[in-house]
């Protein structure tokens, strides 16, 4: 049986280093105030501006497609085509947080 994944703890830890994570996952973006603006790599996005991540709270949205979510785990799931639990494990591993076996 798998260990309970503490999504809130992982998301909170990831939010503390979100700018660094975004540089790794979404290179080429720009900070605009509290937002990180970048092209959406999941679609043929030719111009940055419609896809943004709030650096304060982790909410993200693609205003062209309507896709949106809240938190770093949600963003990872969206970007990498993962289930939430898989995304949580990936983010936790990036941060060096142990969540136990699958």
PDB file of N, CA and C in Angstrom:
ATOM      1  N   UNK A   1       0.847  -1.179   0.000  1.00  0.00           N
ATOM      2  CA  UNK A   1       0.000   0.000   0.000  1.00  0.00           C
ATOM      3  C   UNK A   1       0.894   1.244   0.000  1.00  0.00           C
ATOM      4  N   UNK A   2       0.512   2.251  -0.777  1.00  0.00           N
ATOM      5  CA  UNK A   2       1.362   3.433  -0.878  1.00  0.00           C
ATOM      6  C   UNK A   2       1.147   4.372   0.301  1.00  0.00           C
ATOM      7  N   UNK A   3       2.201   5.076   0.614  1.00  0.00           N
ATOM      8  CA  UNK A   3       2.148   6.066   1.684  1.00  0.00           C
ATOM      9  C   UNK A   3       1.312   7.256   1.209  1.00  0.00           C
ATOM     10  N   UNK A   4       0.590   7.847   2.137  1.00  0.00           N
ATOM     11  CA  UNK A   4      -0.206   9.035   1.832  1.00  0.00           C
ATOM     12  C   UNK A   4       0.717  10.151   1.341  1.00  0.00           C
ATOM     13  N   UNK A   5       0.348  10.779   0.253  1.00  0.00           N
ATOM     14  CA  UNK A   5       1.128  11.888  -0.289  1.00  0.00           C
ATOM     15  C   UNK A   5       0.574  13.183   0.295  1.00  0.00           C
ATOM     16  N   UNK A   6       1.425  13.947   0.927  1.00  0.00           N
ATOM     17  CA  UNK A   6       1.016  15.220   1.516  1.00  0.00           C
ATOM     18  C   UNK A   6       1.153  16.315   0.448  1.00  0.00           C
ATOM     19  N   UNK A   7       0.120  16.431  -0.366  1.00  0.00           N
ATOM     20  CA  UNK A   7       0.136  17.378  -1.480  1.00  0.00           C
ATOM     21  C   UNK A   7       0.383  18.810  -0.999  1.00  0.00           C
ATOM     22  N   UNK A   8      -0.256  19.208   0.083  1.00  0.00           N
ATOM     23  CA  UNK A   8      -0.137  20.582   0.576  1.00  0.00           C
ATOM     24  C   UNK A   8       1.293  20.909   0.976  1.00  0.00           C
ATOM     25  N   UNK A   9       1.964  19.992   1.650  1.00  0.00           N
ATOM     26  CA  UNK A   9       3.350  20.221   2.071  1.00  0.00           C
ATOM     27  C   UNK A   9       4.279  20.321   0.871  1.00  0.00           C
ATOM     28  N   UNK A  10       4.078  19.439  -0.104  1.00  0.00           N
ATOM     29  CA  UNK A  10       4.917  19.453  -1.308  1.00  0.00           C
ATOM     30  C   UNK A  10       4.691  20.754  -2.077  1.00  0.00           C
ATOM     31  N   UNK A  11       3.428  21.125  -2.266  1.00  0.00           N
ATOM     32  CA  UNK A  11       3.124  22.369  -2.987  1.00  0.00           C
ATOM     33  C   UNK A  11       3.706  23.588  -2.279  1.00  0.00           C
ATOM     34  N   UNK A  12       3.596  23.621  -0.950  1.00  0.00           N
ATOM     35  CA  UNK A  12       4.122  24.757  -0.189  1.00  0.00           C
ATOM     36  C   UNK A  12       5.637  24.851  -0.329  1.00  0.00           C
ATOM     37  N   UNK A  13       6.326  23.729  -0.245  1.00  0.00           N
ATOM     38  CA  UNK A  13       7.788  23.717  -0.397  1.00  0.00           C
ATOM     39  C   UNK A  13       8.181  24.132  -1.812  1.00  0.00           C
ATOM     40  N   UNK A  14       7.424  23.675  -2.796  1.00  0.00           N
ATOM     41  CA  UNK A  14       7.727  24.022  -4.184  1.00  0.00           C
ATOM     42  C   UNK A  14       7.467  25.500  -4.455  1.00  0.00           C
ATOM     43  N   UNK A  15       6.445  26.042  -3.861  1.00  0.00           N
ATOM     44  CA  UNK A  15       6.124  27.455  -4.049  1.00  0.00           C
ATOM     45  C   UNK A  15       7.263  28.344  -3.559  1.00  0.00           C
ATOM     46  N   UNK A  16       7.955  27.903  -2.517  1.00  0.00           N
ATOM     47  CA  UNK A  16       9.076  28.682  -1.972  1.00  0.00           C
ATOM     48  C   UNK A  16      10.232  28.814  -2.958  1.00  0.00           C
ATOM     49  N   UNK A  17      10.333  27.878  -3.906  1.00  0.00           N
ATOM     50  CA  UNK A  17      11.423  27.913  -4.897  1.00  0.00           C
ATOM     51  C   UNK A  17      10.862  27.920  -6.324  1.00  0.00           C
ATOM     52  N   UNK A  18       9.632  28.377  -6.472  1.00  0.00           N
ATOM     53  CA  UNK A  18       8.962  28.340  -7.770  1.00  0.00           C
ATOM     54  C   UNK A  18       9.742  29.006  -8.900  1.00  0.00           C
ATOM     55  N   UNK A  19      10.345  30.180  -8.705  1.00  0.00           N
ATOM     56  CA  UNK A  19      11.093  30.764  -9.823  1.00  0.00           C
ATOM     57  C   UNK A  19      12.191  29.836 -10.364  1.00  0.00           C
ATOM     58  N   UNK A  20      12.872  29.146  -9.485  1.00  0.00           N
ATOM     59  CA  UNK A  20      13.925  28.216  -9.905  1.00  0.00           C
ATOM     60  C   UNK A  20      13.325  27.031 -10.663  1.00  0.00           C
ATOM     61  N   UNK A  21      12.224  26.508 -10.170  1.00  0.00           N
ATOM     62  CA  UNK A  21      11.557  25.390 -10.841  1.00  0.00           C
ATOM     63  C   UNK A  21      11.099  25.807 -12.236  1.00  0.00           C
ATOM     64  N   UNK A  22      10.523  26.992 -12.346  1.00  0.00           N
ATOM     65  CA  UNK A  22      10.029  27.452 -13.643  1.00  0.00           C
ATOM     66  C   UNK A  22      11.159  27.649 -14.650  1.00  0.00           C
ATOM     67  N   UNK A  23      12.300  28.105 -14.193  1.00  0.00           N
ATOM     68  CA  UNK A  23      13.439  28.248 -15.108  1.00  0.00           C
ATOM     69  C   UNK A  23      13.853  26.897 -15.672  1.00  0.00           C
ATOM     70  N   UNK A  24      13.683  25.856 -14.871  1.00  0.00           N
ATOM     71  CA  UNK A  24      14.025  24.501 -15.311  1.00  0.00           C
ATOM     72  C   UNK A  24      12.958  23.939 -16.249  1.00  0.00           C
ATOM     73  N   UNK A  25      11.703  24.102 -15.891  1.00  0.00           N
ATOM     74  CA  UNK A  25      10.611  23.524 -16.666  1.00  0.00           C
ATOM     75  C   UNK A  25      10.211  24.358 -17.866  1.00  0.00           C
ATOM     76  N   UNK A  26      10.286  25.674 -17.730  1.00  0.00           N
ATOM     77  CA  UNK A  26       9.771  26.589 -18.752  1.00  0.00           C
ATOM     78  C   UNK A  26      10.794  27.684 -19.053  1.00  0.00           C
ATOM     79  N   UNK A  27      11.919  27.270 -19.558  1.00  0.00           N
ATOM     80  CA  UNK A  27      12.989  28.223 -19.869  1.00  0.00           C
ATOM     81  C   UNK A  27      12.507  29.222 -20.918  1.00  0.00           C
ATOM     82  N   UNK A  28      13.054  30.411 -20.840  1.00  0.00           N
ATOM     83  CA  UNK A  28      12.738  31.428 -21.837  1.00  0.00           C
ATOM     84  C   UNK A  28      11.605  32.357 -21.454  1.00  0.00           C
ATOM     85  N   UNK A  29      11.051  32.156 -20.266  1.00  0.00           N
ATOM     86  CA  UNK A  29       9.985  33.032 -19.811  1.00  0.00           C
ATOM     87  C   UNK A  29      10.535  34.303 -19.198  1.00  0.00           C
ATOM     88  N   UNK A  30       9.634  35.206 -18.873  1.00  0.00           N
ATOM     89  CA  UNK A  30      10.032  36.473 -18.256  1.00  0.00           C
ATOM     90  C   UNK A  30       9.143  36.756 -17.066  1.00  0.00           C
ATOM     91  N   UNK A  31       9.751  37.357 -16.079  1.00  0.00           N
ATOM     92  CA  UNK A  31       8.989  37.782 -14.906  1.00  0.00           C
ATOM     93  C   UNK A  31       8.363  39.132 -15.201  1.00  0.00           C
ATOM     94  N   UNK A  32       7.074  39.235 -14.932  1.00  0.00           N
ATOM     95  CA  UNK A  32       6.357  40.491 -15.088  1.00  0.00           C
ATOM     96  C   UNK A  32       5.571  40.693 -13.795  1.00  0.00           C
ATOM     97  N   UNK A  33       6.131  41.491 -12.887  1.00  0.00           N
ATOM     98  CA  UNK A  33       5.511  41.663 -11.580  1.00  0.00           C
ATOM     99  C   UNK A  33       5.538  40.352 -10.813  1.00  0.00           C
ATOM    100  N   UNK A  34       4.369  39.869 -10.395  1.00  0.00           N
ATOM    101  CA  UNK A  34       4.264  38.606  -9.674  1.00  0.00           C
ATOM    102  C   UNK A  34       3.990  37.428 -10.597  1.00  0.00           C
ATOM    103  N   UNK A  35       4.045  37.670 -11.914  1.00  0.00           N
ATOM    104  CA  UNK A  35       3.739  36.632 -12.895  1.00  0.00           C
ATOM    105  C   UNK A  35       4.983  36.201 -13.658  1.00  0.00           C
ATOM    106  N   UNK A  36       5.008  34.930 -14.021  1.00  0.00           N
ATOM    107  CA  UNK A  36       6.020  34.394 -14.919  1.00  0.00           C
ATOM    108  C   UNK A  36       5.287  34.128 -16.227  1.00  0.00           C
ATOM    109  N   UNK A  37       5.689  34.821 -17.280  1.00  0.00           N
ATOM    110  CA  UNK A  37       5.032  34.757 -18.581  1.00  0.00           C
ATOM    111  C   UNK A  37       5.926  33.970 -19.528  1.00  0.00           C
ATOM    112  N   UNK A  38       5.335  32.987 -20.208  1.00  0.00           N
ATOM    113  CA  UNK A  38       6.132  32.110 -21.077  1.00  0.00           C
ATOM    114  C   UNK A  38       5.221  31.497 -22.138  1.00  0.00           C
ATOM    115  N   UNK A  39       5.805  30.978 -23.184  1.00  0.00           N
ATOM    116  CA  UNK A  39       5.022  30.240 -24.180  1.00  0.00           C
ATOM    117  C   UNK A  39       4.581  28.906 -23.568  1.00  0.00           C
ATOM    118  N   UNK A  40       3.396  28.483 -23.915  1.00  0.00           N
ATOM    119  CA  UNK A  40       2.885  27.207 -23.422  1.00  0.00           C
ATOM    120  C   UNK A  40       3.463  26.075 -24.276  1.00  0.00           C
ATOM    121  N   UNK A  41       4.281  25.204 -23.671  1.00  0.00           N
ATOM    122  CA  UNK A  41       4.911  24.137 -24.464  1.00  0.00           C
ATOM    123  C   UNK A  41       3.960  22.996 -24.825  1.00  0.00           C
ATOM    124  N   UNK A  42       2.728  23.010 -24.317  1.00  0.00           N
ATOM    125  CA  UNK A  42       1.797  21.923 -24.611  1.00  0.00           C
ATOM    126  C   UNK A  42       0.967  22.185 -25.866  1.00  0.00           C
ATOM    127  N   UNK A  43       1.157  23.346 -26.464  1.00  0.00           N
ATOM    128  CA  UNK A  43       0.434  23.672 -27.699  1.00  0.00           C
ATOM    129  C   UNK A  43       1.323  24.566 -28.569  1.00  0.00           C
ATOM    130  N   UNK A  44       0.888  24.820 -29.780  1.00  0.00           N
ATOM    131  CA  UNK A  44       1.651  25.664 -30.704  1.00  0.00           C
ATOM    132  C   UNK A  44       1.454  27.129 -30.337  1.00  0.00           C
ATOM    133  N   UNK A  45       2.114  27.536 -29.287  1.00  0.00           N
ATOM    134  CA  UNK A  45       2.010  28.903 -28.772  1.00  0.00           C
ATOM    135  C   UNK A  45       3.156  29.714 -29.365  1.00  0.00           C
ATOM    136  N   UNK A  46       2.822  30.663 -30.227  1.00  0.00           N
ATOM    137  CA  UNK A  46       3.870  31.438 -30.900  1.00  0.00           C
ATOM    138  C   UNK A  46       4.309  32.678 -30.146  1.00  0.00           C
ATOM    139  N   UNK A  47       3.466  33.176 -29.268  1.00  0.00           N
ATOM    140  CA  UNK A  47       3.825  34.396 -28.541  1.00  0.00           C
ATOM    141  C   UNK A  47       3.557  34.254 -27.056  1.00  0.00           C
ATOM    142  N   UNK A  48       4.536  34.635 -26.238  1.00  0.00           N
ATOM    143  CA  UNK A  48       4.294  34.598 -24.792  1.00  0.00           C
ATOM    144  C   UNK A  48       3.276  35.662 -24.388  1.00  0.00           C
ATOM    145  N   UNK A  49       2.583  35.390 -23.326  1.00  0.00           N
ATOM    146  CA  UNK A  49       1.623  36.364 -22.833  1.00  0.00           C
ATOM    147  C   UNK A  49       0.334  35.730 -22.366  1.00  0.00           C
ATOM    148  N   UNK A  50      -0.120  34.705 -23.062  1.00  0.00           N
ATOM    149  CA  UNK A  50      -1.386  34.102 -22.651  1.00  0.00           C
ATOM    150  C   UNK A  50      -1.199  33.010 -21.598  1.00  0.00           C
ATOM    151  N   UNK A  51       0.023  32.531 -21.420  1.00  0.00           N
ATOM    152  CA  UNK A  51       0.299  31.492 -20.427  1.00  0.00           C
ATOM    153  C   UNK A  51       1.122  32.115 -19.308  1.00  0.00           C
ATOM    154  N   UNK A  52       0.580  32.084 -18.090  1.00  0.00           N
ATOM    155  CA  UNK A  52       1.303  32.694 -16.992  1.00  0.00           C
ATOM    156  C   UNK A  52       1.114  31.911 -15.700  1.00  0.00           C
ATOM    157  N   UNK A  53       2.105  32.050 -14.838  1.00  0.00           N
ATOM    158  CA  UNK A  53       2.104  31.410 -13.532  1.00  0.00           C
ATOM    159  C   UNK A  53       2.311  32.501 -12.491  1.00  0.00           C
ATOM    160  N   UNK A  54       1.451  32.545 -11.489  1.00  0.00           N
ATOM    161  CA  UNK A  54       1.580  33.511 -10.409  1.00  0.00           C
ATOM    162  C   UNK A  54       2.646  33.009  -9.451  1.00  0.00           C
ATOM    163  N   UNK A  55       3.692  33.779  -9.266  1.00  0.00           N
ATOM    164  CA  UNK A  55       4.820  33.379  -8.430  1.00  0.00           C
ATOM    165  C   UNK A  55       4.500  33.427  -6.940  1.00  0.00           C
ATOM    166  N   UNK A  56       3.449  34.129  -6.565  1.00  0.00           N
ATOM    167  CA  UNK A  56       3.079  34.236  -5.151  1.00  0.00           C
ATOM    168  C   UNK A  56       2.233  33.065  -4.665  1.00  0.00           C
ATOM    169  N   UNK A  57       1.311  32.605  -5.526  1.00  0.00           N
ATOM    170  CA  UNK A  57       0.390  31.568  -5.080  1.00  0.00           C
ATOM    171  C   UNK A  57       0.387  30.299  -5.931  1.00  0.00           C
ATOM    172  N   UNK A  58       1.126  30.290  -7.036  1.00  0.00           N
ATOM    173  CA  UNK A  58       1.226  29.101  -7.874  1.00  0.00           C
ATOM    174  C   UNK A  58       0.073  28.884  -8.834  1.00  0.00           C
ATOM    175  N   UNK A  59      -0.899  29.788  -8.847  1.00  0.00           N
ATOM    176  CA  UNK A  59      -1.997  29.635  -9.801  1.00  0.00           C
ATOM    177  C   UNK A  59      -1.455  29.891 -11.203  1.00  0.00           C
ATOM    178  N   UNK A  60      -1.918  29.091 -12.146  1.00  0.00           N
ATOM    179  CA  UNK A  60      -1.450  29.228 -13.522  1.00  0.00           C
ATOM    180  C   UNK A  60      -2.652  29.175 -14.462  1.00  0.00           C
ATOM    181  N   UNK A  61      -2.482  29.764 -15.627  1.00  0.00           N
ATOM    182  CA  UNK A  61      -3.566  29.763 -16.600  1.00  0.00           C
ATOM    183  C   UNK A  61      -3.027  29.978 -18.000  1.00  0.00           C
ATOM    184  N   UNK A  62      -3.679  29.328 -18.943  1.00  0.00           N
ATOM    185  CA  UNK A  62      -3.475  29.608 -20.360  1.00  0.00           C
ATOM    186  C   UNK A  62      -4.766  30.259 -20.817  1.00  0.00           C
ATOM    187  N   UNK A  63      -4.722  31.555 -20.982  1.00  0.00           N
ATOM    188  CA  UNK A  63      -5.923  32.307 -21.294  1.00  0.00           C
ATOM    189  C   UNK A  63      -6.394  32.079 -22.724  1.00  0.00           C
ATOM    190  N   UNK A  64      -5.531  31.544 -23.579  1.00  0.00           N
ATOM    191  CA  UNK A  64      -5.937  31.232 -24.945  1.00  0.00           C
ATOM    192  C   UNK A  64      -6.732  29.929 -25.011  1.00  0.00           C
ATOM    193  N   UNK A  65      -6.335  28.935 -24.210  1.00  0.00           N
ATOM    194  CA  UNK A  65      -7.001  27.628 -24.263  1.00  0.00           C
ATOM    195  C   UNK A  65      -8.034  27.436 -23.150  1.00  0.00           C
ATOM    196  N   UNK A  66      -7.912  28.234 -22.089  1.00  0.00           N
ATOM    197  CA  UNK A  66      -8.808  28.074 -20.953  1.00  0.00           C
ATOM    198  C   UNK A  66      -8.299  27.109 -19.900  1.00  0.00           C
ATOM    199  N   UNK A  67      -7.152  26.467 -20.149  1.00  0.00           N
ATOM    200  CA  UNK A  67      -6.572  25.562 -19.155  1.00  0.00           C
ATOM    201  C   UNK A  67      -6.077  26.385 -17.975  1.00  0.00           C
ATOM    202  N   UNK A  68      -6.296  25.860 -16.758  1.00  0.00           N
ATOM    203  CA  UNK A  68      -5.850  26.572 -15.569  1.00  0.00           C
ATOM    204  C   UNK A  68      -5.773  25.612 -14.403  1.00  0.00           C
ATOM    205  N   UNK A  69      -5.043  26.036 -13.394  1.00  0.00           N
ATOM    206  CA  UNK A  69      -4.930  25.221 -12.199  1.00  0.00           C
ATOM    207  C   UNK A  69      -4.313  26.024 -11.068  1.00  0.00           C
ATOM    208  N   UNK A  70      -4.162  25.354  -9.945  1.00  0.00           N
ATOM    209  CA  UNK A  70      -3.604  26.011  -8.765  1.00  0.00           C
ATOM    210  C   UNK A  70      -2.542  25.124  -8.155  1.00  0.00           C
ATOM    211  N   UNK A  71      -1.341  25.633  -8.088  1.00  0.00           N
ATOM    212  CA  UNK A  71      -0.272  24.918  -7.418  1.00  0.00           C
ATOM    213  C   UNK A  71       0.746  24.315  -8.365  1.00  0.00           C
ATOM    214  N   UNK A  72       1.903  24.061  -7.805  1.00  0.00           N
ATOM    215  CA  UNK A  72       3.031  23.548  -8.572  1.00  0.00           C
ATOM    216  C   UNK A  72       2.762  22.115  -9.035  1.00  0.00           C
ATOM    217  N   UNK A  73       2.127  21.323  -8.195  1.00  0.00           N
ATOM    218  CA  UNK A  73       1.816  19.941  -8.579  1.00  0.00           C
ATOM    219  C   UNK A  73       0.861  19.926  -9.769  1.00  0.00           C
ATOM    220  N   UNK A  74      -0.154  20.761  -9.716  1.00  0.00           N
ATOM    221  CA  UNK A  74      -1.107  20.864 -10.818  1.00  0.00           C
ATOM    222  C   UNK A  74      -0.402  21.280 -12.104  1.00  0.00           C
ATOM    223  N   UNK A  75       0.508  22.226 -12.007  1.00  0.00           N
ATOM    224  CA  UNK A  75       1.268  22.681 -13.174  1.00  0.00           C
ATOM    225  C   UNK A  75       2.120  21.557 -13.737  1.00  0.00           C
ATOM    226  N   UNK A  76       2.791  20.818 -12.873  1.00  0.00           N
ATOM    227  CA  UNK A  76       3.623  19.692 -13.325  1.00  0.00           C
ATOM    228  C   UNK A  76       2.764  18.643 -14.026  1.00  0.00           C
ATOM    229  N   UNK A  77       1.609  18.337 -13.467  1.00  0.00           N
ATOM    230  CA  UNK A  77       0.708  17.356 -14.083  1.00  0.00           C
ATOM    231  C   UNK A  77       0.310  17.819 -15.483  1.00  0.00           C
ATOM    232  N   UNK A  78      -0.015  19.089 -15.601  1.00  0.00           N
ATOM    233  CA  UNK A  78      -0.419  19.658 -16.886  1.00  0.00           C
ATOM    234  C   UNK A  78       0.726  19.625 -17.901  1.00  0.00           C
ATOM    235  N   UNK A  79       1.883  20.122 -17.496  1.00  0.00           N
ATOM    236  CA  UNK A  79       3.009  20.233 -18.423  1.00  0.00           C
ATOM    237  C   UNK A  79       3.545  18.890 -18.895  1.00  0.00           C
ATOM    238  N   UNK A  80       3.563  17.911 -17.992  1.00  0.00           N
ATOM    239  CA  UNK A  80       4.216  16.641 -18.294  1.00  0.00           C
ATOM    240  C   UNK A  80       3.235  15.489 -18.514  1.00  0.00           C
ATOM    241  N   UNK A  81       1.944  15.800 -18.540  1.00  0.00           N
ATOM    242  CA  UNK A  81       0.938  14.782 -18.818  1.00  0.00           C
ATOM    243  C   UNK A  81       0.876  13.690 -17.754  1.00  0.00           C
ATOM    244  N   UNK A  82       0.956  14.093 -16.498  1.00  0.00           N
ATOM    245  CA  UNK A  82       0.981  13.142 -15.384  1.00  0.00           C
ATOM    246  C   UNK A  82      -0.306  13.188 -14.584  1.00  0.00           C
ATOM    247  N   UNK A  83      -0.582  12.101 -13.858  1.00  0.00           N
ATOM    248  CA  UNK A  83      -1.645  12.132 -12.854  1.00  0.00           C
ATOM    249  C   UNK A  83      -1.132  12.985 -11.698  1.00  0.00           C
ATOM    250  N   UNK A  84      -2.044  13.497 -10.887  1.00  0.00           N
ATOM    251  CA  UNK A  84      -1.654  14.364  -9.767  1.00  0.00           C
ATOM    252  C   UNK A  84      -0.672  13.651  -8.836  1.00  0.00           C
ATOM    253  N   UNK A  85      -0.903  12.381  -8.549  1.00  0.00           N
ATOM    254  CA  UNK A  85      -0.001  11.653  -7.647  1.00  0.00           C
ATOM    255  C   UNK A  85       1.389  11.512  -8.252  1.00  0.00           C
ATOM    256  N   UNK A  86       1.455  11.257  -9.562  1.00  0.00           N
ATOM    257  CA  UNK A  86       2.753  11.163 -10.237  1.00  0.00           C
ATOM    258  C   UNK A  86       3.465  12.513 -10.220  1.00  0.00           C
ATOM    259  N   UNK A  87       2.710  13.566 -10.469  1.00  0.00           N
ATOM    260  CA  UNK A  87       3.285  14.911 -10.457  1.00  0.00           C
ATOM    261  C   UNK A  87       3.789  15.269  -9.062  1.00  0.00           C
ATOM    262  N   UNK A  88       3.037  14.897  -8.040  1.00  0.00           N
ATOM    263  CA  UNK A  88       3.458  15.167  -6.657  1.00  0.00           C
ATOM    264  C   UNK A  88       4.771  14.454  -6.351  1.00  0.00           C
ATOM    265  N   UNK A  89       4.886  13.209  -6.780  1.00  0.00           N
ATOM    266  CA  UNK A  89       6.136  12.461  -6.568  1.00  0.00           C
ATOM    267  C   UNK A  89       7.307  13.099  -7.319  1.00  0.00           C
ATOM    268  N   UNK A  90       7.045  13.576  -8.540  1.00  0.00           N
ATOM    269  CA  UNK A  90       8.087  14.224  -9.325  1.00  0.00           C
ATOM    270  C   UNK A  90       8.555  15.510  -8.654  1.00  0.00           C
ATOM    271  N   UNK A  91       7.618  16.330  -8.219  1.00  0.00           N
ATOM    272  CA  UNK A  91       7.955  17.590  -7.559  1.00  0.00           C
ATOM    273  C   UNK A  91       8.694  17.303  -6.248  1.00  0.00           C
ATOM    274  N   UNK A  92       8.202  16.336  -5.495  1.00  0.00           N
ATOM    275  CA  UNK A  92       8.848  15.973  -4.230  1.00  0.00           C
ATOM    276  C   UNK A  92      10.287  15.519  -4.469  1.00  0.00           C
ATOM    277  N   UNK A  93      10.498  14.711  -5.490  1.00  0.00           N
ATOM    278  CA  UNK A  93      11.847  14.245  -5.804  1.00  0.00           C
ATOM    279  C   UNK A  93      12.757  15.419  -6.173  1.00  0.00           C
ATOM    280  N   UNK A  94      12.221  16.369  -6.917  1.00  0.00           N
ATOM    281  CA  UNK A  94      12.982  17.564  -7.280  1.00  0.00           C
ATOM    282  C   UNK A  94      13.432  18.328  -6.055  1.00  0.00           C
ATOM    283  N   UNK A  95      12.568  18.335  -5.041  1.00  0.00           N
ATOM    284  CA  UNK A  95      12.845  19.080  -3.805  1.00  0.00           C
ATOM    285  C   UNK A  95      13.583  18.257  -2.751  1.00  0.00           C
ATOM    286  N   UNK A  96      13.770  16.964  -3.019  1.00  0.00           N
ATOM    287  CA  UNK A  96      14.418  16.098  -2.043  1.00  0.00           C
ATOM    288  C   UNK A  96      13.513  15.687  -0.902  1.00  0.00           C
ATOM    289  N   UNK A  97      12.200  15.699  -1.152  1.00  0.00           N
ATOM    290  CA  UNK A  97      11.216  15.291  -0.141  1.00  0.00           C
ATOM    291  C   UNK A  97      10.836  13.845  -0.386  1.00  0.00           C
ATOM    292  N   UNK A  98      10.907  13.021   0.613  1.00  0.00           N
ATOM    293  CA  UNK A  98      10.544  11.612   0.496  1.00  0.00           C
ATOM    294  C   UNK A  98       9.043  11.448   0.674  1.00  0.00           C
ATOM    295  N   UNK A  99       8.408  10.717  -0.244  1.00  0.00           N
ATOM    296  CA  UNK A  99       6.981  10.436  -0.114  1.00  0.00           C
ATOM    297  C   UNK A  99       6.728   8.933  -0.035  1.00  0.00           C
ATOM    298  N   UNK A 100       7.777   8.147   0.060  1.00  0.00           N
ATOM    299  CA  UNK A 100       7.615   6.705   0.189  1.00  0.00           C
ATOM    300  C   UNK A 100       7.445   6.022  -1.155  1.00  0.00           C
ATOM    301  N   UNK A 101       7.267   4.710  -1.136  1.00  0.00           N
ATOM    302  CA  UNK A 101       7.128   3.938  -2.376  1.00  0.00           C
ATOM    303  C   UNK A 101       5.803   4.194  -3.053  1.00  0.00           C
ATOM    304  N   UNK A 102       5.729   3.833  -4.326  1.00  0.00           N
ATOM    305  CA  UNK A 102       4.481   3.985  -5.100  1.00  0.00           C
ATOM    306  C   UNK A 102       3.423   3.080  -4.557  1.00  0.00           C
TER     307      UNK A 102
END
